[in-house]
Amino acid sequence: MSPGGPPRRWRHGPPWGDRPDDAGRPARWPWRSTALLTVFVLVGSQFAARGQEGERAALDPFARVLLVLAAGQLLWRHRHPRAVVFGTAAAVAVCLGAGYPYGPVLLTVAVACFAAVVAGHRKAAWAALGMLWAAHVLVAHWLYRWLSPSGDVPASWTQEAVVAAWVVAIVALAELARARREQWARERAERAQAARRRADEERLRIARELHDVLAHSLSVINVQAGVGLALLDSDPEQARTALTTIKGASKEALGEVRQVLDTLRAPGAAPRAPAPGLDRLPELVEAAADAGLTVRVDGTAPRLPPAADLAAFRIVQEALTNVVRHSGSRNARVRLTGDRGTLRLRIDDDGPATGADAGGGGNGLAGMRERAAALGGTIEAGPRPGGGFRVDAVLPLSPPRPEEEDR
């Protein structure tokens, strides 16, 4: 037990069975347990012989060889469990058939059976124990006439029932251990899968953040750089304004990228700056105006939880970025509507599409859909009936329940 706390649980399942270590090497040789069990069998059999003196044959050198053989085979029980369970059963059958005393030698079969079942060789364990019980019945009820000790009488069927119950108890305990080991293996695999899933989700979240931050800022920089190059000679003052916009957009992008990277360096730490939300919508409108896009905002957003506020901001940001990149329209409209626990965002432009890329990677709409889906919301994006393009997002103002996320 750990000091000041509950008992420590096995992190990787029970400390038995033929489990390779973390480097893929086979299980260690069980020298210590095999040596201790061998000594116990030899000493215990000596006491058993004294208690059964006159009823069973006395221990002689051949009996001690059989005892050492039965216990010594357990050294290979993790590497060759099937061979060991049959070998120990055969050694014990010869020992009992020769008339030597009942005693701790039976424990060697129990340990070998336990190791075989836990390793997954259930049929071999059952067959070996069935062979041992059949050999005992054969000797105790037929061959006893020709085997030592002389004058022996047949065993009672009550004794056979006890032996059979002993065999069933061994197998039942081994099956219970096997079931527990499989449960530990499943739990370990589920924990590993959950950890991989969390890591994948975190990578996806960071990729979305970086995409949204960089796509918007670089689109503004791209447009302003084009303006600056075009007016560098004819209108230096306007070119200066474009360069100033580029400086401001790049500074803002660097700050947000630094915040995302700080999250990577110190997972779980509180961010140095609050996550952006719809309260920064005027900044988006101003940045869009610097890129030559006039944005009209209708409606006001209700009070939003942090996750929904960030998602709404990023959706509007990405939609306006796409207008700057891909639309020939220089006007866009953002409409905010809060109704019955949901926030609806509608971003429209009049088009037409220009087919310009502006360095984009084409992941904006997918990122918006992922953000909405993570909150239990929806995104619809496509051409408008009268021309242009529309992004329509519906975000719930409360997080989805776990059973809804599983569907």
Protein backbone atom coordinates (compact mmCIF):
# COMPACT_ATOMS: atom_id res chain seq x y z
CA MET A 1 0.00 0.00 0.00
CA SER A 2 1.33 3.43 -0.84
CA PRO A 3 1.86 5.67 2.18
CA GLY A 4 -1.09 7.90 2.89
CA GLY A 5 -3.22 6.52 0.08
CA PRO A 6 -5.10 3.54 -1.31
CA PRO A 7 -3.35 0.41 -2.59
CA ARG A 8 -1.64 0.83 -5.93
CA ARG A 9 -3.37 -0.89 -8.84
CA TRP A 10 -1.53 -2.72 -11.57
CA ARG A 11 -1.19 -0.28 -14.45
CA HIS A 12 -0.69 -2.88 -17.15
CA GLY A 13 -2.64 -5.89 -15.90
CA PRO A 14 -1.65 -8.69 -13.50
CA PRO A 15 2.02 -9.55 -13.00
CA TRP A 16 1.74 -13.00 -14.54
CA GLY A 17 1.40 -14.50 -18.00
CA ASP A 18 3.65 -14.49 -21.02
CA ARG A 19 3.51 -10.75 -21.59
CA PRO A 20 6.36 -9.10 -23.50
CA ASP A 21 7.81 -6.00 -21.98
CA ASP A 22 7.64 -2.52 -23.52
CA ALA A 23 10.62 -3.28 -25.77
CA GLY A 24 8.99 -6.43 -27.17
CA ARG A 25 11.27 -8.86 -25.33
CA PRO A 26 9.80 -12.14 -23.98
CA ALA A 27 8.77 -12.45 -20.35
CA ARG A 28 11.50 -12.96 -17.76
CA TRP A 29 12.39 -16.41 -16.53
CA PRO A 30 10.52 -17.09 -13.24
CA TRP A 31 13.62 -18.37 -11.40
CA ARG A 32 12.67 -17.20 -7.94
CA SER A 33 9.10 -18.53 -7.86
CA THR A 34 10.17 -21.83 -9.40
CA ALA A 35 12.97 -22.31 -6.86
CA LEU A 36 10.68 -21.47 -3.94
CA LEU A 37 7.99 -23.82 -5.21
CA THR A 38 10.51 -26.63 -5.73
CA VAL A 39 11.77 -26.32 -2.13
CA PHE A 40 8.20 -26.20 -0.87
CA VAL A 41 7.26 -29.36 -2.83
CA LEU A 42 10.31 -31.29 -1.55
CA VAL A 43 9.91 -30.27 2.09
CA GLY A 44 6.12 -30.54 2.07
CA SER A 45 6.22 -33.98 0.47
CA GLN A 46 8.55 -35.16 3.23
CA PHE A 47 5.97 -34.16 5.83
CA ALA A 48 3.18 -35.69 3.74
CA ALA A 49 5.09 -38.98 3.57
CA ARG A 50 5.30 -39.10 7.36
CA GLY A 51 1.57 -38.45 7.68
CA GLN A 52 0.73 -41.18 5.13
CA GLU A 53 3.28 -43.72 6.34
CA GLY A 54 1.94 -47.24 5.88
CA GLU A 55 -0.70 -46.08 3.42
CA ARG A 56 1.57 -44.89 0.63
CA ALA A 57 5.08 -45.79 -0.49
CA ALA A 58 7.98 -44.03 1.19
CA LEU A 59 9.93 -41.37 -0.66
CA ASP A 60 13.03 -42.70 -2.39
CA PRO A 61 15.54 -41.11 -4.82
CA PHE A 62 13.25 -41.82 -7.79
CA ALA A 63 10.37 -40.05 -6.01
CA ARG A 64 12.55 -37.00 -5.34
CA VAL A 65 13.59 -36.92 -9.01
CA LEU A 66 9.91 -36.91 -9.99
CA LEU A 67 9.18 -34.10 -7.52
CA VAL A 68 12.04 -31.97 -8.85
CA LEU A 69 11.01 -32.74 -12.44
CA ALA A 70 7.40 -31.72 -11.79
CA ALA A 71 8.36 -28.45 -10.09
CA GLY A 72 11.37 -27.64 -12.29
CA GLN A 73 9.31 -27.62 -15.48
CA LEU A 74 7.50 -24.54 -14.19
CA LEU A 75 10.56 -22.51 -15.14
CA TRP A 76 9.26 -22.67 -18.77
CA ARG A 77 5.58 -22.09 -17.92
CA HIS A 78 5.48 -18.60 -19.50
CA ARG A 79 7.35 -19.51 -22.67
CA HIS A 80 5.94 -23.01 -23.36
CA PRO A 81 2.73 -23.25 -21.30
CA ARG A 82 1.18 -26.15 -23.23
CA ALA A 83 4.25 -28.39 -22.96
CA VAL A 84 4.67 -27.56 -19.27
CA VAL A 85 1.06 -28.31 -18.30
CA PHE A 86 1.24 -31.74 -20.00
CA GLY A 87 4.71 -32.38 -18.56
CA THR A 88 3.74 -31.59 -14.97
CA ALA A 89 0.54 -33.62 -15.31
CA ALA A 90 2.56 -36.60 -16.59
CA ALA A 91 5.14 -36.31 -13.78
CA VAL A 92 2.42 -36.11 -11.11
CA ALA A 93 0.55 -39.04 -12.69
CA VAL A 94 3.72 -41.20 -12.53
CA CYS A 95 4.34 -40.05 -8.94
CA LEU A 96 0.84 -41.02 -7.79
CA GLY A 97 0.81 -44.18 -9.92
CA ALA A 98 4.01 -45.33 -8.21
CA GLY A 99 2.22 -45.08 -4.88
CA TYR A 100 4.07 -42.06 -3.53
CA PRO A 101 2.18 -39.82 -1.07
CA TYR A 102 -0.35 -37.18 -2.01
CA GLY A 103 1.00 -33.76 -1.19
CA PRO A 104 2.27 -30.44 -2.49
CA VAL A 105 3.26 -32.00 -5.81
CA LEU A 106 -0.35 -31.46 -6.90
CA LEU A 107 0.33 -27.73 -6.61
CA THR A 108 2.71 -27.91 -9.61
CA VAL A 109 -0.15 -28.98 -11.86
CA ALA A 110 -2.31 -26.16 -10.52
CA VAL A 111 0.38 -23.55 -11.28
CA ALA A 112 1.02 -24.97 -14.76
CA CYS A 113 -2.71 -25.06 -15.55
CA PHE A 114 -3.09 -21.52 -14.29
CA ALA A 115 -0.27 -20.29 -16.56
CA ALA A 116 -1.66 -22.16 -19.59
CA VAL A 117 -5.21 -20.82 -19.23
CA VAL A 118 -4.04 -17.25 -18.63
CA ALA A 119 -1.83 -17.51 -21.73
CA GLY A 120 -4.89 -18.56 -23.76
CA HIS A 121 -4.26 -22.34 -24.01
CA ARG A 122 -7.48 -23.40 -22.36
CA LYS A 123 -7.96 -26.67 -24.26
CA ALA A 124 -4.45 -27.81 -23.39
CA ALA A 125 -5.04 -27.12 -19.68
CA TRP A 126 -8.36 -28.96 -19.69
CA ALA A 127 -6.84 -31.91 -21.58
CA ALA A 128 -3.87 -32.18 -19.21
CA LEU A 129 -6.05 -32.11 -16.10
CA GLY A 130 -8.45 -34.61 -17.67
CA MET A 131 -5.48 -36.87 -18.45
CA LEU A 132 -4.28 -36.62 -14.84
CA TRP A 133 -7.72 -37.40 -13.42
CA ALA A 134 -8.19 -40.33 -15.82
CA ALA A 135 -4.77 -41.70 -14.85
CA HIS A 136 -5.68 -41.41 -11.18
CA VAL A 137 -8.96 -43.28 -11.71
CA LEU A 138 -7.16 -45.99 -13.71
CA VAL A 139 -4.52 -46.50 -11.03
CA ALA A 140 -6.88 -46.19 -8.04
CA HIS A 141 -9.46 -48.69 -9.38
CA TRP A 142 -7.57 -51.12 -11.62
CA LEU A 143 -3.78 -50.91 -11.76
CA TYR A 144 -3.40 -50.68 -7.95
CA ARG A 145 -3.17 -54.52 -7.85
CA TRP A 146 0.21 -54.50 -9.61
CA LEU A 147 1.62 -51.26 -8.22
CA SER A 148 3.13 -50.41 -4.86
CA PRO A 149 2.38 -50.40 -2.05
CA SER A 150 1.41 -54.04 -1.91
CA GLY A 151 -1.91 -54.90 -0.37
CA ASP A 152 -3.42 -51.62 -1.47
CA VAL A 153 -7.22 -51.38 -1.82
CA PRO A 154 -9.22 -49.44 -4.44
CA ALA A 155 -9.90 -45.81 -3.66
CA SER A 156 -13.41 -44.72 -2.80
CA TRP A 157 -15.47 -42.82 -5.32
CA THR A 158 -15.84 -40.08 -2.73
CA GLN A 159 -12.10 -39.56 -3.01
CA GLU A 160 -12.44 -39.39 -6.81
CA ALA A 161 -15.16 -36.77 -6.44
CA VAL A 162 -12.82 -34.71 -4.26
CA VAL A 163 -10.08 -34.97 -6.89
CA ALA A 164 -12.53 -33.98 -9.62
CA ALA A 165 -13.69 -30.98 -7.56
CA TRP A 166 -10.05 -29.99 -7.06
CA VAL A 167 -9.50 -30.11 -10.84
CA VAL A 168 -12.60 -28.01 -11.54
CA ALA A 169 -11.59 -25.44 -8.89
CA ILE A 170 -8.15 -25.05 -10.47
CA VAL A 171 -9.61 -24.48 -13.92
CA ALA A 172 -12.28 -22.10 -12.58
CA LEU A 173 -9.67 -19.93 -10.86
CA ALA A 174 -7.51 -19.94 -13.98
CA GLU A 175 -10.48 -18.96 -16.14
CA LEU A 176 -11.29 -16.11 -13.75
CA ALA A 177 -7.69 -14.86 -13.98
CA ARG A 178 -7.81 -15.09 -17.78
CA ALA A 179 -11.04 -13.09 -17.91
CA ARG A 180 -9.56 -10.41 -15.67
CA ARG A 181 -6.44 -10.24 -17.81
CA GLU A 182 -8.51 -9.81 -20.98
CA GLN A 183 -10.50 -7.07 -19.26
CA TRP A 184 -7.27 -5.29 -18.31
CA ALA A 185 -6.07 -5.60 -21.91
CA ARG A 186 -9.33 -4.12 -23.22
CA GLU A 187 -9.19 -1.26 -20.76
CA ARG A 188 -5.56 -0.58 -21.68
CA ALA A 189 -6.46 -0.55 -25.40
CA GLU A 190 -9.44 1.74 -24.75
CA ARG A 191 -7.27 4.14 -22.75
CA ALA A 192 -4.69 4.21 -25.54
CA GLN A 193 -7.40 4.77 -28.15
CA ALA A 194 -8.95 7.57 -26.08
CA ALA A 195 -5.53 9.21 -25.69
CA ARG A 196 -4.95 9.01 -29.46
CA ARG A 197 -8.41 10.45 -30.10
CA ARG A 198 -7.78 13.35 -27.71
CA ALA A 199 -4.42 14.02 -29.37
CA ASP A 200 -6.05 13.97 -32.82
CA GLU A 201 -8.79 16.34 -31.67
CA GLU A 202 -6.22 18.69 -30.18
CA ARG A 203 -4.15 18.67 -33.38
CA LEU A 204 -7.30 19.37 -35.39
CA ARG A 205 -8.26 22.25 -33.09
CA ILE A 206 -4.80 23.80 -33.36
CA ALA A 207 -4.81 23.34 -37.14
CA ARG A 208 -8.18 25.12 -37.35
CA GLU A 209 -6.94 27.99 -35.17
CA LEU A 210 -3.77 28.44 -37.18
CA HIS A 211 -5.67 28.23 -40.46
CA ASP A 212 -8.23 30.82 -39.40
CA VAL A 213 -5.66 33.22 -38.00
CA LEU A 214 -3.20 32.94 -40.88
CA ALA A 215 -5.75 32.75 -43.69
CA HIS A 216 -7.47 35.97 -42.65
CA SER A 217 -4.31 37.94 -41.92
CA LEU A 218 -2.43 36.71 -44.97
CA SER A 219 -5.39 37.49 -47.22
CA VAL A 220 -5.37 41.07 -45.96
CA ILE A 221 -1.61 41.24 -46.37
CA ASN A 222 -1.86 39.79 -49.88
CA VAL A 223 -4.44 42.35 -50.98
CA GLN A 224 -2.61 45.27 -49.37
CA ALA A 225 0.72 44.16 -50.81
CA GLY A 226 -0.86 44.20 -54.27
CA VAL A 227 -2.25 47.68 -53.62
CA GLY A 228 1.13 48.88 -52.35
CA LEU A 229 2.99 47.54 -55.37
CA ALA A 230 0.48 49.05 -57.79
CA LEU A 231 0.60 52.51 -56.15
CA LEU A 232 4.22 52.59 -55.10
CA ASP A 233 5.19 54.99 -57.87
CA SER A 234 1.93 56.78 -58.65
CA ASP A 235 0.58 57.30 -55.10
CA PRO A 236 3.28 56.80 -52.44
CA GLU A 237 1.00 57.99 -49.64
CA GLN A 238 -1.62 55.32 -50.42
CA ALA A 239 1.19 52.76 -50.70
CA ARG A 240 2.34 53.85 -47.24
CA THR A 241 -1.18 53.27 -45.91
CA ALA A 242 -1.17 49.76 -47.43
CA LEU A 243 2.17 48.98 -45.78
CA THR A 244 0.82 50.25 -42.45
CA THR A 245 -2.14 47.90 -42.80
CA ILE A 246 0.23 45.04 -43.59
CA LYS A 247 2.24 45.82 -40.46
CA GLY A 248 -0.87 45.86 -38.26
CA ALA A 249 -2.30 42.66 -39.75
CA SER A 250 1.01 40.81 -39.40
CA LYS A 251 1.41 41.98 -35.79
CA GLU A 252 -2.07 40.76 -34.92
CA ALA A 253 -1.44 37.43 -36.65
CA LEU A 254 1.84 36.94 -34.81
CA GLY A 255 0.11 37.59 -31.48
CA GLU A 256 -2.61 35.03 -32.13
CA VAL A 257 -0.14 32.44 -33.46
CA ARG A 258 1.98 32.96 -30.36
CA GLN A 259 -1.08 32.32 -28.19
CA VAL A 260 -1.80 29.04 -30.01
CA LEU A 261 1.85 27.96 -29.68
CA ASP A 262 1.83 28.79 -25.96
CA THR A 263 -1.02 26.32 -25.61
CA LEU A 264 1.16 23.67 -27.26
CA ARG A 265 4.13 24.36 -25.01
CA ALA A 266 2.08 24.31 -21.78
CA PRO A 267 -1.04 22.14 -22.23
CA GLY A 268 -3.75 22.99 -19.73
CA ALA A 269 -2.23 26.38 -18.82
CA ALA A 270 -4.48 29.42 -18.91
CA PRO A 271 -3.97 31.52 -22.06
CA ARG A 272 -2.24 34.86 -21.58
CA ALA A 273 -4.93 36.66 -23.60
CA PRO A 274 -8.65 35.88 -23.79
CA ALA A 275 -9.86 34.00 -26.83
CA PRO A 276 -11.40 36.26 -29.48
CA GLY A 277 -15.17 36.57 -29.67
CA LEU A 278 -17.88 38.58 -31.42
CA ASP A 279 -16.93 41.61 -29.30
CA ARG A 280 -14.04 41.92 -31.75
CA LEU A 281 -16.36 42.03 -34.76
CA PRO A 282 -15.60 45.75 -35.31
CA GLU A 283 -11.93 44.82 -35.73
CA LEU A 284 -12.89 42.32 -38.43
CA VAL A 285 -14.97 44.98 -40.19
CA GLU A 286 -12.05 47.41 -40.01
CA ALA A 287 -9.58 44.81 -41.32
CA ALA A 288 -11.96 43.96 -44.16
CA ALA A 289 -12.25 47.65 -44.98
CA ASP A 290 -8.45 47.84 -45.18
CA ALA A 291 -8.65 45.02 -47.74
CA GLY A 292 -11.20 47.00 -49.77
CA LEU A 293 -14.32 45.20 -48.51
CA THR A 294 -17.25 47.10 -47.02
CA VAL A 295 -19.06 45.04 -44.37
CA ARG A 296 -22.50 45.86 -42.96
CA VAL A 297 -23.46 44.24 -39.66
CA ASP A 298 -27.12 43.77 -38.74
CA GLY A 299 -28.29 42.64 -35.34
CA THR A 300 -26.46 41.99 -32.09
CA ALA A 301 -25.35 38.70 -30.62
CA PRO A 302 -26.70 37.53 -27.25
CA ARG A 303 -24.32 36.70 -24.44
CA LEU A 304 -22.40 33.62 -25.59
CA PRO A 305 -20.42 30.94 -23.78
CA PRO A 306 -16.67 31.10 -24.60
CA ALA A 307 -16.66 28.13 -27.01
CA ALA A 308 -19.63 29.41 -29.02
CA ASP A 309 -18.23 32.96 -28.98
CA LEU A 310 -14.90 31.80 -30.40
CA ALA A 311 -16.58 29.60 -33.03
CA ALA A 312 -18.89 32.44 -34.13
CA PHE A 313 -15.95 34.84 -34.46
CA ARG A 314 -13.89 32.36 -36.48
CA ILE A 315 -16.83 31.55 -38.78
CA VAL A 316 -17.42 35.22 -39.56
CA GLN A 317 -13.68 35.77 -39.97
CA GLU A 318 -13.33 32.86 -42.40
CA ALA A 319 -16.44 33.86 -44.35
CA LEU A 320 -15.16 37.43 -44.82
CA THR A 321 -11.73 36.09 -45.74
CA ASN A 322 -13.33 33.97 -48.46
CA VAL A 323 -15.16 37.05 -49.79
CA VAL A 324 -11.84 38.92 -49.99
CA ARG A 325 -10.18 35.97 -51.72
CA HIS A 326 -12.78 34.61 -54.05
CA SER A 327 -15.50 37.20 -54.67
CA GLY A 328 -15.58 40.10 -57.08
CA SER A 329 -18.01 41.91 -54.76
CA ARG A 330 -16.66 44.66 -52.55
CA ASN A 331 -19.66 44.49 -50.21
CA ALA A 332 -20.64 41.88 -47.63
CA ARG A 333 -23.40 41.63 -45.02
CA VAL A 334 -23.26 39.93 -41.65
CA ARG A 335 -26.53 39.24 -39.87
CA LEU A 336 -26.69 38.08 -36.24
CA THR A 337 -29.87 36.60 -34.80
CA GLY A 338 -30.34 35.04 -31.36
CA ASP A 339 -33.48 33.00 -30.87
CA ARG A 340 -34.52 30.21 -28.45
CA GLY A 341 -31.09 29.18 -27.32
CA THR A 342 -29.39 29.41 -30.71
CA LEU A 343 -27.29 31.95 -32.56
CA ARG A 344 -27.74 32.27 -36.31
CA LEU A 345 -25.02 33.83 -38.44
CA ARG A 346 -25.61 34.73 -42.08
CA ILE A 347 -22.80 36.14 -44.22
CA ASP A 348 -23.73 37.20 -47.78
CA ASP A 349 -21.88 38.72 -50.71
CA ASP A 350 -23.17 39.61 -54.15
CA GLY A 351 -20.42 37.93 -56.16
CA PRO A 352 -19.51 37.01 -58.77
CA ALA A 353 -16.76 34.52 -57.95
CA THR A 354 -13.40 35.55 -59.34
CA GLY A 355 -11.64 32.16 -59.12
CA ALA A 356 -8.71 33.88 -57.42
CA ASP A 357 -6.82 31.81 -54.89
CA ALA A 358 -4.78 34.36 -52.94
CA GLY A 359 -2.66 31.58 -51.51
CA GLY A 360 -5.47 29.72 -49.77
CA GLY A 361 -5.46 26.01 -49.08
CA GLY A 362 -9.17 25.29 -49.49
CA ASN A 363 -9.79 24.17 -45.87
CA GLY A 364 -11.90 27.11 -44.73
CA LEU A 365 -15.37 25.66 -45.22
CA ALA A 366 -14.31 22.32 -43.73
CA GLY A 367 -12.93 24.13 -40.67
CA MET A 368 -16.16 26.10 -40.23
CA ARG A 369 -18.23 22.91 -40.40
CA GLU A 370 -15.97 21.21 -37.85
CA ARG A 371 -16.31 24.15 -35.45
CA ALA A 372 -20.10 24.14 -35.76
CA ALA A 373 -20.34 20.35 -35.45
CA ALA A 374 -18.19 20.39 -32.28
CA LEU A 375 -20.88 22.56 -30.64
CA GLY A 376 -23.80 20.58 -32.08
CA GLY A 377 -24.54 23.22 -34.71
CA THR A 378 -24.73 23.26 -38.50
CA ILE A 379 -23.20 25.16 -41.43
CA GLU A 380 -24.75 25.61 -44.86
CA ALA A 381 -22.62 27.30 -47.50
CA GLY A 382 -23.20 27.73 -51.21
CA PRO A 383 -24.28 30.04 -54.04
CA ARG A 384 -27.28 32.29 -53.42
CA PRO A 385 -30.31 32.06 -55.75
CA GLY A 386 -29.87 35.67 -56.90
CA GLY A 387 -26.10 35.43 -57.28
CA GLY A 388 -23.21 35.66 -54.90
CA PHE A 389 -22.44 33.35 -51.99
CA ARG A 390 -23.99 32.70 -48.56
CA VAL A 391 -22.75 31.13 -45.36
CA ASP A 392 -25.53 30.25 -42.91
CA ALA A 393 -24.47 28.98 -39.47
CA VAL A 394 -26.66 27.87 -36.56
CA LEU A 395 -24.87 27.48 -33.20
CA PRO A 396 -26.52 26.30 -29.96
CA LEU A 397 -25.78 28.51 -26.96
CA SER A 398 -25.35 25.53 -24.63
CA PRO A 399 -22.93 22.59 -25.16
CA PRO A 400 -24.42 19.34 -26.49
CA ARG A 401 -25.16 16.56 -24.01
CA PRO A 402 -22.80 13.53 -24.11
CA GLU A 403 -25.48 11.27 -25.61
CA GLU A 404 -25.96 13.78 -28.46
CA GLU A 405 -22.22 13.86 -29.16
CA ASP A 406 -22.19 10.05 -29.47
CA ARG A 407 -24.90 10.00 -32.13
